[in-house]
Amino acid sequence: MSGQAGFTIRGRNPDVLTCIANLSNDEVFTPPEFANRMLDTLAEAWARANNGADIWADRSVRFLDPCTKSGVFLREIASRLNKGLASEIPDLQQRVDHILTKQIFGIGITHLTSLLARRSVYCSKFANGHHSIAKGFATDAGNIWFERMEHAWVEGRCTFCGASRKTLDRDEGFESHAYAFIHTDNVRARMTEIFGDDMQFDVIIGNPPYQLDDGGYGTSAAPIYHLFVEQAKKLEPRYLTMIIPSRWFSGGKGLDEFRESMLTDNRVRSIDDYLSAADVFPGVGLKGGVNFFLWDRDHPGPCCVSTHFKDWPVSTSTRPLLEPGADVFIRFNEGLSILKKVAAVENPKRRGDSLLLPTQKRFDQLVSSRKPFGLQTTFKGKRVGRDGDLVVYQNGGRGYVRREAISTGVELIDKWKLFAGYAAPGTGNRDTYPHRIISTPFVSEPGSISSETYLCIGPFDSKSEAESALSYLTCRLTRFLILLHKPSQHVTRKVYTFVPTQEWARTWTDCDLYKKYGLTESEIEFVERTVRPMEINGELFEETVDEGGGDE
């Protein structure tokens, strides 16, 4: 055969797929190095389940990328199969034809990315073209399919993906972003419709679109990646592996059912969690990090959780995804051991290793919901107050409002309290450690309220109690416990679930908390590597632990 097959299947330098820029939030391209990391994890699992067999030497295995963009997964799979099947199918052209026509399948997410994927895999945007390295296709698309789909509009929303008709009901000159894989009630029938056969895939792999912008320029973008995971599971492959944002661990718009289904699914056998998305996708701003998981249909069991961040040592632990007493995934392996110690002190009568704190000892009971006084973020009080007016802490400073205008949260008005920002401090679109976790809280006097910019914490009976609670929130360990339940930059009431209350009669320090909960030196080191000291009124709240002071 011609040298084209050798060029496309064998390694080469430079690799064009390392050079292309992402097109949109939907089209975040997977770097080849990372795609190969996922394929290594897949191959290791296959070997464990098949007495050491090499998945790349099996000519019967079928692979599907249901959301292909650059074609990197299919290309790298083809490269591995080409080497693995060399002895069984010695003729290069026959081997390439078998791999590309019988084993490799993809569904493009847009017209442009389908052409790019075909170019990556077939060396031609036409699978049956003169320059294509595959000689067994009768159609231009080959096994990388794309056709424009339409949304199913009901009352202004798509019933499949929730897209806004106002935003995405477009003419044929624009992409509809109605992805074929998730816009169907019967995904098996859709596979037959696309590929013309009763298809059963052994491996489904991909990097699905993460969100659809619902017309809010990113502020109201709805996640859709979970829909690809759910559809893939319905096809019952032997293995499923995808890269998705990590926000599903503990939050995310409309992800509660997905989170529960994942955390209670013991076929999720490994999760590689990257705290910073930039470590996977250089130059991409995606708060909360990303992860890839491996789902193994036939071998259920505990999950191997690995945490990656820059040059930190990789932390790996095999454990259940859902711990007793928790409704979220505990992201840090080290955090789980710390959380269990806190729960043991605060709830000694708990069952087993439950992380659940007694309701009366949960700090979240002191935290308001959004709009504690019914005022939106955009609210602006009067610049000059009159006798009897309330002070309003609002976006951009302070204002004043008549007391009679407030009907929500009135029981908090004349009490001491804390205000803490609803949005945590950011560093652009990147996750960095150590960081503060929450915005700097402050004590607020009786006769004051806030807009939605702040959550209210309290009430407290005196200024000294409020100051004690403030000192507690400055502690690194307190904010680390917040981090374990915090999926994004938003600091809602729910993120305080793992934080216990204390006696508000003293100034709290990390040294006190480390001793109270019996943290080891390594646990203390991890907390302080993750959480930055916090400064209040020019004073840096940071305690040095006495030598050996981590244990009582």
Protein backbone atom coordinates (compact mmCIF):
# COMPACT_ATOMS: atom_id res chain seq x y z
CA MET A 1 0.00 0.00 0.00
CA SER A 2 1.03 3.64 -0.21
CA GLY A 3 3.08 5.35 2.47
CA GLN A 4 0.00 7.30 3.62
CA ALA A 5 -1.17 4.58 5.96
CA GLY A 6 2.21 4.40 7.57
CA PHE A 7 2.18 8.16 8.00
CA THR A 8 -1.20 8.29 9.61
CA ILE A 9 -0.90 5.23 11.83
CA ARG A 10 2.71 5.60 12.99
CA GLY A 11 3.95 8.31 15.32
CA ARG A 12 5.11 11.54 13.76
CA ASN A 13 6.43 14.89 14.82
CA PRO A 14 5.04 17.48 15.03
CA ASP A 15 1.48 16.37 15.73
CA VAL A 16 -1.07 18.78 14.27
CA LEU A 17 -3.58 17.91 17.00
CA THR A 18 -1.30 19.51 19.59
CA CYS A 19 -1.43 22.80 17.69
CA ILE A 20 -5.11 23.48 16.96
CA ALA A 21 -7.07 25.94 19.10
CA ASN A 22 -10.38 25.15 20.77
CA LEU A 23 -13.36 26.46 18.82
CA SER A 24 -15.89 26.97 21.62
CA ASN A 25 -17.05 25.66 25.00
CA ASP A 26 -18.43 22.66 23.12
CA GLU A 27 -15.25 21.99 21.22
CA VAL A 28 -12.51 21.60 23.82
CA PHE A 29 -10.01 19.36 22.07
CA THR A 30 -8.28 16.57 23.98
CA PRO A 31 -4.47 16.67 23.85
CA PRO A 32 -3.03 13.45 22.37
CA GLU A 33 -0.89 12.83 25.47
CA PHE A 34 -3.96 12.89 27.69
CA ALA A 35 -5.97 10.70 25.32
CA ASN A 36 -3.20 8.13 25.56
CA ARG A 37 -3.27 8.32 29.35
CA MET A 38 -6.94 7.32 29.23
CA LEU A 39 -6.18 4.51 26.78
CA ASP A 40 -3.44 3.22 29.09
CA THR A 41 -5.96 3.04 31.95
CA LEU A 42 -8.39 1.19 29.69
CA ALA A 43 -5.73 -1.29 28.55
CA GLU A 44 -4.69 -2.03 32.13
CA ALA A 45 -8.29 -2.76 33.14
CA TRP A 46 -8.79 -4.99 30.10
CA ALA A 47 -5.64 -6.96 30.91
CA ARG A 48 -6.70 -7.47 34.55
CA ALA A 49 -10.07 -8.79 33.44
CA ASN A 50 -8.73 -11.00 30.64
CA ASN A 51 -5.75 -12.82 32.13
CA GLY A 52 -3.24 -10.30 30.87
CA ALA A 53 -4.60 -10.12 27.31
CA ASP A 54 -3.74 -7.11 25.16
CA ILE A 55 -6.83 -5.21 24.05
CA TRP A 56 -4.88 -3.84 21.07
CA ALA A 57 -4.26 -7.37 19.80
CA ASP A 58 -7.97 -8.24 19.67
CA ARG A 59 -9.48 -7.77 16.20
CA SER A 60 -13.05 -8.16 17.47
CA VAL A 61 -13.18 -5.19 19.87
CA ARG A 62 -15.35 -2.28 18.73
CA PHE A 63 -14.71 1.30 19.85
CA LEU A 64 -17.11 4.27 19.71
CA ASP A 65 -16.45 7.96 20.29
CA PRO A 66 -20.01 9.40 20.40
CA CYS A 67 -18.83 13.02 20.53
CA THR A 68 -15.74 13.12 18.38
CA LYS A 69 -14.13 16.47 17.65
CA SER A 70 -10.49 16.26 16.57
CA GLY A 71 -10.64 12.47 16.19
CA VAL A 72 -7.74 12.05 18.62
CA PHE A 73 -9.21 9.06 20.47
CA LEU A 74 -10.01 7.18 17.27
CA ARG A 75 -6.64 8.01 15.78
CA GLU A 76 -4.68 6.85 18.82
CA ILE A 77 -6.78 3.69 19.11
CA ALA A 78 -6.10 2.96 15.43
CA SER A 79 -2.37 3.47 15.98
CA ARG A 80 -2.35 1.01 18.88
CA LEU A 81 -4.42 -1.57 17.02
CA ASN A 82 -2.11 -1.29 14.03
CA LYS A 83 0.82 -2.38 16.20
CA GLY A 84 -1.12 -4.93 18.21
CA LEU A 85 -2.59 -6.72 15.19
CA ALA A 86 0.59 -6.73 13.11
CA SER A 87 1.26 -10.42 13.64
CA GLU A 88 -2.34 -11.54 13.13
CA ILE A 89 -2.91 -9.38 10.03
CA PRO A 90 0.58 -8.97 8.49
CA ASP A 91 -0.51 -7.06 5.38
CA LEU A 92 -0.59 -3.36 6.32
CA GLN A 93 -3.42 -2.39 3.94
CA GLN A 94 -5.62 -5.27 5.06
CA ARG A 95 -4.86 -4.44 8.69
CA VAL A 96 -5.69 -0.76 8.28
CA ASP A 97 -8.90 -1.55 6.39
CA HIS A 98 -10.00 -4.00 9.09
CA ILE A 99 -9.29 -1.54 11.91
CA LEU A 100 -10.98 1.43 10.28
CA THR A 101 -14.02 -0.36 8.86
CA LYS A 102 -14.71 -2.95 11.58
CA GLN A 103 -13.39 -1.54 14.86
CA ILE A 104 -13.38 2.27 14.88
CA PHE A 105 -16.60 4.33 14.97
CA GLY A 106 -17.36 7.96 15.74
CA ILE A 107 -20.15 10.53 15.77
CA GLY A 108 -19.15 14.11 15.02
CA ILE A 109 -20.62 16.91 17.10
CA THR A 110 -20.51 19.49 14.28
CA HIS A 111 -19.92 19.42 10.54
CA LEU A 112 -16.49 21.02 10.95
CA THR A 113 -15.29 18.64 13.65
CA SER A 114 -16.52 15.62 11.69
CA LEU A 115 -14.31 16.71 8.78
CA LEU A 116 -11.40 17.26 11.16
CA ALA A 117 -11.90 13.82 12.71
CA ARG A 118 -11.98 12.12 9.31
CA ARG A 119 -8.85 13.96 8.31
CA SER A 120 -7.15 12.75 11.51
CA VAL A 121 -8.22 9.13 11.13
CA TYR A 122 -8.47 8.57 7.37
CA CYS A 123 -5.96 11.21 6.17
CA SER A 124 -8.83 12.65 4.15
CA LYS A 125 -12.07 14.47 4.86
CA PHE A 126 -13.67 11.87 2.60
CA ALA A 127 -13.37 8.31 3.89
CA ASN A 128 -13.69 6.96 0.32
CA GLY A 129 -11.58 9.65 -1.29
CA HIS A 130 -8.40 9.24 -3.32
CA HIS A 131 -6.18 10.24 -0.39
CA SER A 132 -7.94 8.12 2.22
CA ILE A 133 -5.82 5.38 3.77
CA ALA A 134 -8.96 3.21 4.09
CA LYS A 135 -9.97 1.38 0.91
CA GLY A 136 -13.14 -0.34 2.12
CA PHE A 137 -15.64 2.51 2.47
CA ALA A 138 -18.43 3.27 0.03
CA THR A 139 -19.45 6.61 1.63
CA ASP A 140 -17.73 9.92 2.27
CA ALA A 141 -18.37 9.64 6.03
CA GLY A 142 -17.01 6.15 6.53
CA ASN A 143 -17.48 5.26 10.18
CA ILE A 144 -17.34 8.90 11.38
CA TRP A 145 -20.91 10.05 11.01
CA PHE A 146 -22.44 13.49 11.12
CA GLU A 147 -25.80 14.87 10.03
CA ARG A 148 -27.51 18.00 11.23
CA MET A 149 -30.12 17.26 13.89
CA GLU A 150 -32.92 19.46 15.21
CA HIS A 151 -34.00 20.07 18.77
CA ALA A 152 -37.37 18.89 20.05
CA TRP A 153 -38.97 22.14 21.19
CA VAL A 154 -41.68 22.11 23.86
CA GLU A 155 -42.65 25.43 25.43
CA GLY A 156 -39.41 27.06 24.34
CA ARG A 157 -37.05 24.31 25.55
CA CYS A 158 -35.57 21.17 24.00
CA THR A 159 -36.97 18.11 25.74
CA PHE A 160 -33.65 16.28 25.32
CA CYS A 161 -30.98 18.80 26.29
CA GLY A 162 -32.92 21.74 27.72
CA ALA A 163 -31.58 24.23 25.15
CA SER A 164 -33.38 27.54 24.72
CA ARG A 165 -35.36 27.80 21.49
CA LYS A 166 -34.70 31.53 21.47
CA THR A 167 -30.96 30.90 21.42
CA LEU A 168 -30.53 27.77 19.28
CA ASP A 169 -33.50 27.60 16.90
CA ARG A 170 -31.36 28.49 13.86
CA ASP A 171 -31.52 28.14 10.12
CA GLU A 172 -29.39 25.63 8.27
CA GLY A 173 -26.51 28.07 7.89
CA PHE A 174 -25.66 27.64 11.58
CA GLU A 175 -24.91 24.68 13.81
CA SER A 176 -27.93 23.59 15.81
CA HIS A 177 -25.83 21.88 18.55
CA ALA A 178 -28.51 19.19 18.71
CA TYR A 179 -26.15 16.29 19.29
CA ALA A 180 -27.37 13.05 17.74
CA PHE A 181 -26.22 10.81 20.60
CA ILE A 182 -28.38 12.52 23.23
CA HIS A 183 -31.32 13.68 21.09
CA THR A 184 -33.15 10.39 21.11
CA ASP A 185 -35.28 8.30 23.46
CA ASN A 186 -33.78 5.08 22.10
CA VAL A 187 -30.02 5.28 21.75
CA ARG A 188 -29.75 1.68 20.51
CA ALA A 189 -32.10 2.43 17.65
CA ARG A 190 -30.10 5.58 16.93
CA MET A 191 -26.91 3.50 16.61
CA THR A 192 -28.65 1.17 14.15
CA GLU A 193 -29.93 4.18 12.24
CA ILE A 194 -26.44 5.69 12.01
CA PHE A 195 -24.27 2.64 11.40
CA GLY A 196 -26.80 0.36 9.70
CA ASP A 197 -26.39 -2.65 11.94
CA ASP A 198 -27.26 -4.01 15.37
CA MET A 199 -24.16 -2.47 16.92
CA GLN A 200 -22.69 -3.56 20.24
CA PHE A 201 -19.67 -1.55 21.30
CA ASP A 202 -17.09 -2.95 23.68
CA VAL A 203 -15.57 0.44 24.54
CA ILE A 204 -17.13 3.91 24.52
CA ILE A 205 -14.68 6.74 24.97
CA GLY A 206 -14.82 10.49 24.54
CA ASN A 207 -14.70 14.09 25.70
CA PRO A 208 -18.32 15.27 25.45
CA PRO A 209 -19.53 18.86 25.11
CA TYR A 210 -19.66 20.29 28.61
CA GLN A 211 -22.45 22.86 28.45
CA LEU A 212 -24.93 24.79 26.37
CA ASP A 213 -24.99 28.54 26.85
CA ASP A 214 -28.61 29.36 27.51
CA GLY A 215 -28.34 32.93 26.31
CA GLY A 216 -26.67 34.22 29.46
CA TYR A 217 -23.17 34.49 27.99
CA GLY A 218 -21.88 31.80 30.32
CA THR A 219 -23.73 32.97 33.44
CA SER A 220 -26.57 30.48 32.97
CA ALA A 221 -24.85 27.77 30.99
CA ALA A 222 -26.45 24.39 31.60
CA PRO A 223 -24.28 21.24 31.76
CA ILE A 224 -24.98 18.51 29.21
CA TYR A 225 -21.96 16.21 29.59
CA HIS A 226 -23.89 13.97 31.97
CA LEU A 227 -26.41 13.22 29.21
CA PHE A 228 -23.64 11.62 27.14
CA VAL A 229 -22.57 9.48 30.10
CA GLU A 230 -26.14 8.33 30.74
CA GLN A 231 -26.73 7.47 27.07
CA ALA A 232 -23.45 5.58 26.87
CA LYS A 233 -24.40 3.45 29.87
CA LYS A 234 -27.65 2.50 28.14
CA LEU A 235 -25.58 0.90 25.36
CA GLU A 236 -23.98 -1.35 27.99
CA PRO A 237 -20.41 -1.36 26.66
CA ARG A 238 -17.85 -3.44 28.49
CA TYR A 239 -15.97 -0.25 29.31
CA LEU A 240 -16.88 3.42 29.34
CA THR A 241 -14.36 6.21 29.87
CA MET A 242 -14.92 9.95 29.45
CA ILE A 243 -13.39 13.28 30.46
CA ILE A 244 -15.92 15.49 32.22
CA PRO A 245 -15.86 18.51 34.56
CA SER A 246 -15.47 17.64 38.25
CA ARG A 247 -18.29 19.87 39.45
CA TRP A 248 -20.61 16.89 39.48
CA PHE A 249 -18.78 15.63 42.58
CA SER A 250 -20.70 17.99 44.84
CA GLY A 251 -22.79 20.45 42.81
CA GLY A 252 -23.70 21.64 39.34
CA LYS A 253 -26.91 22.86 37.77
CA GLY A 254 -29.37 19.99 37.37
CA LEU A 255 -26.82 17.31 38.31
CA ASP A 256 -28.31 15.92 41.53
CA GLU A 257 -29.75 12.78 39.92
CA PHE A 258 -26.59 12.22 37.88
CA ARG A 259 -24.39 12.59 40.96
CA GLU A 260 -26.48 10.09 42.89
CA SER A 261 -26.43 7.59 40.03
CA MET A 262 -22.65 7.84 39.67
CA LEU A 263 -21.84 7.70 43.38
CA THR A 264 -24.04 4.63 43.89
CA ASP A 265 -22.74 2.83 40.78
CA ASN A 266 -20.04 0.37 41.86
CA ARG A 267 -19.05 -0.15 38.22
CA VAL A 268 -17.20 3.18 38.32
CA ARG A 269 -13.84 1.58 39.05
CA SER A 270 -11.43 4.52 38.75
CA ILE A 271 -11.48 8.31 38.78
CA ASP A 272 -8.44 10.40 37.89
CA ASP A 273 -9.21 13.86 39.21
CA TYR A 274 -7.28 16.94 38.04
CA LEU A 275 -7.77 19.88 40.39
CA SER A 276 -6.83 22.35 37.66
CA ALA A 277 -8.34 21.95 34.19
CA ALA A 278 -5.34 23.83 32.82
CA ASP A 279 -3.19 20.79 33.65
CA VAL A 280 -5.23 18.85 31.08
CA PHE A 281 -6.36 21.55 28.66
CA PRO A 282 -3.68 24.29 28.56
CA GLY A 283 -5.21 27.71 28.18
CA VAL A 284 -8.79 26.61 28.91
CA GLY A 285 -10.58 28.39 31.75
CA LEU A 286 -12.78 25.85 33.52
CA LYS A 287 -13.33 26.27 37.25
CA GLY A 288 -13.46 23.19 39.43
CA GLY A 289 -11.10 20.95 37.46
CA VAL A 290 -11.81 17.90 35.33
CA ASN A 291 -11.65 14.14 35.71
CA PHE A 292 -11.77 11.02 33.64
CA PHE A 293 -13.47 7.91 34.94
CA LEU A 294 -13.45 4.26 33.92
CA TRP A 295 -16.74 2.35 34.14
CA ASP A 296 -16.43 -1.45 34.03
CA ARG A 297 -19.69 -3.27 33.29
CA ASP A 298 -18.62 -6.74 34.37
CA HIS A 299 -16.34 -6.09 37.36
CA PRO A 300 -18.03 -3.99 40.05
CA GLY A 301 -16.16 -2.97 43.18
CA PRO A 302 -14.64 0.00 45.04
CA CYS A 303 -13.16 2.90 43.09
CA CYS A 304 -9.49 3.79 42.74
CA VAL A 305 -9.38 7.56 43.23
CA SER A 306 -6.26 9.47 42.11
CA THR A 307 -5.83 13.22 42.60
CA HIS A 308 -3.46 15.20 40.38
CA PHE A 309 -2.26 18.78 40.72
CA LYS A 310 0.84 20.21 39.06
CA ASP A 311 3.96 18.88 40.83
CA TRP A 312 2.16 17.58 43.93
CA PRO A 313 2.61 13.85 44.58
CA VAL A 314 -0.31 11.93 43.10
CA SER A 315 -2.64 10.79 45.87
CA THR A 316 -4.29 7.39 45.27
CA SER A 317 -6.78 5.49 47.40
CA THR A 318 -9.27 2.70 46.73
CA ARG A 319 -12.55 3.51 48.46
CA PRO A 320 -16.33 3.77 48.04
CA LEU A 321 -17.47 6.78 46.04
CA LEU A 322 -20.23 7.58 48.51
CA GLU A 323 -19.29 7.62 52.18
CA PRO A 324 -21.91 7.00 54.88
CA GLY A 325 -23.54 10.24 55.89
CA ALA A 326 -22.37 12.15 52.81
CA ASP A 327 -24.37 13.16 49.74
CA VAL A 328 -21.35 14.27 47.71
CA PHE A 329 -18.05 12.77 46.61
CA ILE A 330 -15.20 13.60 49.00
CA ARG A 331 -12.67 14.86 46.53
CA PHE A 332 -9.42 14.62 48.46
CA ASN A 333 -8.29 11.27 49.83
CA GLU A 334 -6.56 13.12 52.66
CA GLY A 335 -9.75 15.08 53.25
CA LEU A 336 -11.69 11.90 53.93
CA SER A 337 -9.46 10.88 56.83
CA ILE A 338 -9.68 14.40 58.29
CA LEU A 339 -13.45 14.48 57.91
CA LYS A 340 -13.79 11.15 59.70
CA LYS A 341 -11.77 12.50 62.62
CA VAL A 342 -13.99 15.58 62.87
CA ALA A 343 -17.14 13.44 62.75
CA ALA A 344 -15.75 11.10 65.42
CA VAL A 345 -15.24 14.00 67.86
CA GLU A 346 -18.50 15.80 67.11
CA ASN A 347 -20.71 12.70 66.80
CA PRO A 348 -19.16 9.91 68.91
CA LYS A 349 -22.41 7.88 68.82
CA ARG A 350 -22.55 7.79 65.03
CA ARG A 351 -22.90 4.50 63.18
CA GLY A 352 -19.64 3.16 61.77
CA ASP A 353 -17.67 5.75 59.83
CA SER A 354 -20.63 8.02 59.13
CA LEU A 355 -19.64 11.59 58.29
CA LEU A 356 -23.00 12.96 59.39
CA LEU A 357 -22.92 15.63 62.09
CA PRO A 358 -25.83 16.13 64.50
CA THR A 359 -28.09 18.90 63.20
CA GLN A 360 -27.47 21.09 66.24
CA LYS A 361 -23.71 20.90 65.62
CA ARG A 362 -23.79 21.80 61.93
CA PHE A 363 -22.52 25.26 61.02
CA ASP A 364 -24.78 25.41 57.98
CA GLN A 365 -27.70 25.92 60.38
CA LEU A 366 -26.24 29.38 61.08
CA VAL A 367 -25.96 30.28 57.38
CA SER A 368 -28.73 31.98 55.43
CA SER A 369 -29.97 31.09 51.99
CA ARG A 370 -29.36 33.46 49.09
CA LYS A 371 -30.96 36.91 49.43
CA PRO A 372 -31.12 36.76 53.24
CA PHE A 373 -33.05 40.03 53.34
CA GLY A 374 -34.82 39.70 49.98
CA LEU A 375 -32.54 42.13 48.13
CA GLN A 376 -30.96 41.19 44.80
CA THR A 377 -27.29 41.73 43.95
CA THR A 378 -28.23 44.71 41.81
CA PHE A 379 -29.91 46.49 44.71
CA LYS A 380 -28.43 49.91 45.53
CA GLY A 381 -29.38 51.65 48.77
CA LYS A 382 -29.53 55.39 49.32
CA ARG A 383 -26.19 57.13 49.60
CA VAL A 384 -27.22 59.11 52.68
CA GLY A 385 -29.17 57.59 55.54
CA ARG A 386 -31.73 59.08 57.90
CA ASP A 387 -32.48 58.25 61.51
CA GLY A 388 -33.93 54.77 61.72
CA ASP A 389 -32.57 53.62 58.35
CA LEU A 390 -30.74 50.31 58.07
CA VAL A 391 -27.19 50.02 56.78
CA VAL A 392 -27.08 47.85 53.63
CA TYR A 393 -23.85 46.05 52.75
CA GLN A 394 -24.12 45.75 49.00
CA ASN A 395 -22.08 45.21 45.88
CA GLY A 396 -19.62 48.09 45.79
CA GLY A 397 -19.92 49.28 49.38
CA ARG A 398 -22.65 50.48 51.75
CA GLY A 399 -26.01 52.14 51.37
CA TYR A 400 -29.12 52.81 53.40
CA VAL A 401 -32.72 51.64 53.27
CA ARG A 402 -35.87 52.28 55.30
CA ARG A 403 -36.53 49.57 57.89
CA GLU A 404 -40.16 49.26 56.75
CA ALA A 405 -38.99 48.22 53.27
CA ILE A 406 -37.52 44.96 54.59
CA SER A 407 -39.86 42.02 55.23
CA THR A 408 -37.42 39.11 54.90
CA GLY A 409 -34.89 38.12 57.57
CA VAL A 410 -36.27 40.65 60.04
CA GLU A 411 -35.25 38.46 62.99
CA LEU A 412 -31.59 39.02 62.02
CA ILE A 413 -31.69 42.78 61.65
CA ASP A 414 -31.07 43.74 65.28
CA LYS A 415 -28.57 40.98 66.02
CA TRP A 416 -24.83 40.67 65.67
CA LYS A 417 -23.90 38.59 62.63
CA LEU A 418 -21.29 37.90 59.99
CA PHE A 419 -21.51 38.60 56.30
CA ALA A 420 -19.59 36.43 53.82
CA GLY A 421 -19.53 36.83 50.07
CA TYR A 422 -21.71 34.52 47.97
CA ALA A 423 -18.95 34.36 45.35
CA ALA A 424 -15.50 33.30 46.49
CA PRO A 425 -12.39 35.25 45.39
CA GLY A 426 -11.19 34.18 41.98
CA THR A 427 -7.94 34.02 40.08
CA GLY A 428 -9.32 34.45 36.61
CA ASN A 429 -10.65 31.15 35.36
CA ARG A 430 -7.98 29.02 36.94
CA ASP A 431 -7.88 26.86 40.05
CA THR A 432 -4.84 27.57 42.17
CA TYR A 433 -3.69 26.17 45.49
CA PRO A 434 -3.41 27.22 48.16
CA HIS A 435 -6.40 29.54 47.99
CA ARG A 436 -8.78 31.15 50.44
CA ILE A 437 -11.90 29.08 49.62
CA ILE A 438 -14.25 31.87 50.79
CA SER A 439 -14.32 35.65 50.58
CA THR A 440 -13.15 37.44 53.69
CA PRO A 441 -16.09 37.56 56.13
CA PHE A 442 -16.73 40.50 58.45
CA VAL A 443 -18.71 41.28 61.59
CA SER A 444 -21.90 43.26 61.06
CA GLU A 445 -23.61 45.29 63.76
CA PRO A 446 -27.27 45.35 64.80
CA GLY A 447 -29.30 47.54 62.47
CA SER A 448 -27.56 46.23 59.34
CA ILE A 449 -28.56 44.00 56.45
CA SER A 450 -27.09 42.95 53.11
CA SER A 451 -27.98 42.39 49.50
CA GLU A 452 -27.66 39.03 47.75
CA THR A 453 -23.94 39.75 47.40
CA TYR A 454 -23.50 38.30 50.89
CA LEU A 455 -24.79 35.40 52.94
CA CYS A 456 -25.68 36.12 56.54
CA ILE A 457 -24.17 33.98 59.32
CA GLY A 458 -25.76 34.11 62.75
CA PRO A 459 -27.44 35.47 64.74
CA PHE A 460 -25.10 36.00 67.68
CA ASP A 461 -26.02 37.52 71.02
CA SER A 462 -22.96 39.72 71.33
CA LYS A 463 -20.11 41.23 69.38
CA SER A 464 -17.64 38.92 71.13
CA GLU A 465 -19.56 35.83 69.96
CA ALA A 466 -19.56 37.14 66.40
CA GLU A 467 -15.83 37.81 66.60
CA SER A 468 -15.27 34.28 67.90
CA ALA A 469 -17.14 32.86 64.90
CA LEU A 470 -15.13 35.15 62.63
CA SER A 471 -11.87 33.81 64.04
CA TYR A 472 -13.18 30.28 63.39
CA LEU A 473 -13.84 31.04 59.72
CA THR A 474 -10.31 32.36 59.31
CA CYS A 475 -8.88 28.97 60.34
CA ARG A 476 -7.48 26.91 57.51
CA LEU A 477 -9.07 23.70 58.76
CA THR A 478 -12.54 25.30 58.82
CA ARG A 479 -12.16 26.47 55.25
CA PHE A 480 -10.75 23.09 54.22
CA LEU A 481 -13.97 21.46 55.47
CA ILE A 482 -15.89 23.99 53.37
CA LEU A 483 -13.79 23.07 50.34
CA LEU A 484 -14.80 19.40 50.66
CA HIS A 485 -18.39 20.36 49.84
CA LYS A 486 -17.72 23.26 47.47
CA PRO A 487 -18.12 22.53 43.72
CA SER A 488 -17.51 26.03 42.33
CA GLN A 489 -16.74 29.61 43.23
CA HIS A 490 -20.22 30.00 44.75
CA VAL A 491 -20.31 29.67 48.53
CA THR A 492 -23.85 28.54 49.29
CA ARG A 493 -25.28 27.48 52.61
CA LYS A 494 -24.82 23.85 51.62
CA VAL A 495 -21.01 24.05 51.43
CA TYR A 496 -20.91 24.43 55.24
CA THR A 497 -22.44 20.96 55.72
CA PHE A 498 -19.23 19.34 57.00
CA VAL A 499 -18.30 22.26 59.28
CA PRO A 500 -19.15 21.77 62.98
CA THR A 501 -20.14 24.62 65.26
CA GLN A 502 -17.97 25.55 68.24
CA GLU A 503 -18.36 27.38 71.52
CA TRP A 504 -18.33 31.09 70.68
CA ALA A 505 -16.47 32.20 73.80
CA ARG A 506 -12.87 32.34 72.56
CA THR A 507 -10.63 33.20 69.66
CA TRP A 508 -10.15 30.09 67.56
CA THR A 509 -6.87 29.14 65.89
CA ASP A 510 -5.78 26.28 63.70
CA CYS A 511 -3.54 25.08 66.48
CA ASP A 512 -6.65 24.62 68.66
CA LEU A 513 -8.53 22.78 65.93
CA TYR A 514 -5.65 20.53 64.93
CA LYS A 515 -5.33 19.39 68.56
CA LYS A 516 -9.08 19.03 69.10
CA TYR A 517 -9.48 16.71 66.12
CA GLY A 518 -6.14 14.90 66.42
CA LEU A 519 -4.72 15.69 63.00
CA THR A 520 -1.38 14.16 62.11
CA GLU A 521 1.56 16.17 60.84
CA SER A 522 0.95 14.93 57.29
CA GLU A 523 -2.73 15.92 57.48
CA ILE A 524 -1.81 19.36 58.79
CA GLU A 525 0.70 19.75 55.99
CA PHE A 526 -1.96 18.87 53.41
CA VAL A 527 -4.48 21.36 54.84
CA GLU A 528 -1.89 24.15 54.80
CA ARG A 529 -0.77 23.27 51.30
CA THR A 530 -4.37 23.54 50.13
CA VAL A 531 -5.73 26.53 52.05
CA ARG A 532 -4.16 29.98 52.16
CA PRO A 533 -3.96 32.02 55.39
CA MET A 534 -6.64 34.68 55.73
CA GLU A 535 -6.07 38.27 56.73
CA ILE A 536 -8.66 40.17 58.80
CA ASN A 537 -8.28 43.91 59.40
CA GLY A 538 -4.62 43.74 58.50
CA GLU A 539 -3.93 40.85 60.88
CA LEU A 540 -2.83 37.54 59.39
CA PHE A 541 -4.65 34.67 61.09
CA GLU A 542 -2.04 31.95 60.91
CA GLU A 543 -0.86 29.79 63.79
CA THR A 544 2.29 27.72 63.97
CA VAL A 545 1.63 24.28 65.40
CA ASP A 546 3.89 23.21 68.24
CA GLU A 547 6.27 20.41 67.34
CA GLY A 548 4.29 17.20 67.55
CA GLY A 549 1.17 19.25 68.28
CA GLY A 550 -0.96 17.55 65.67
CA ASP A 551 -1.82 14.71 68.01
CA GLU A 552 -3.14 14.82 71.53
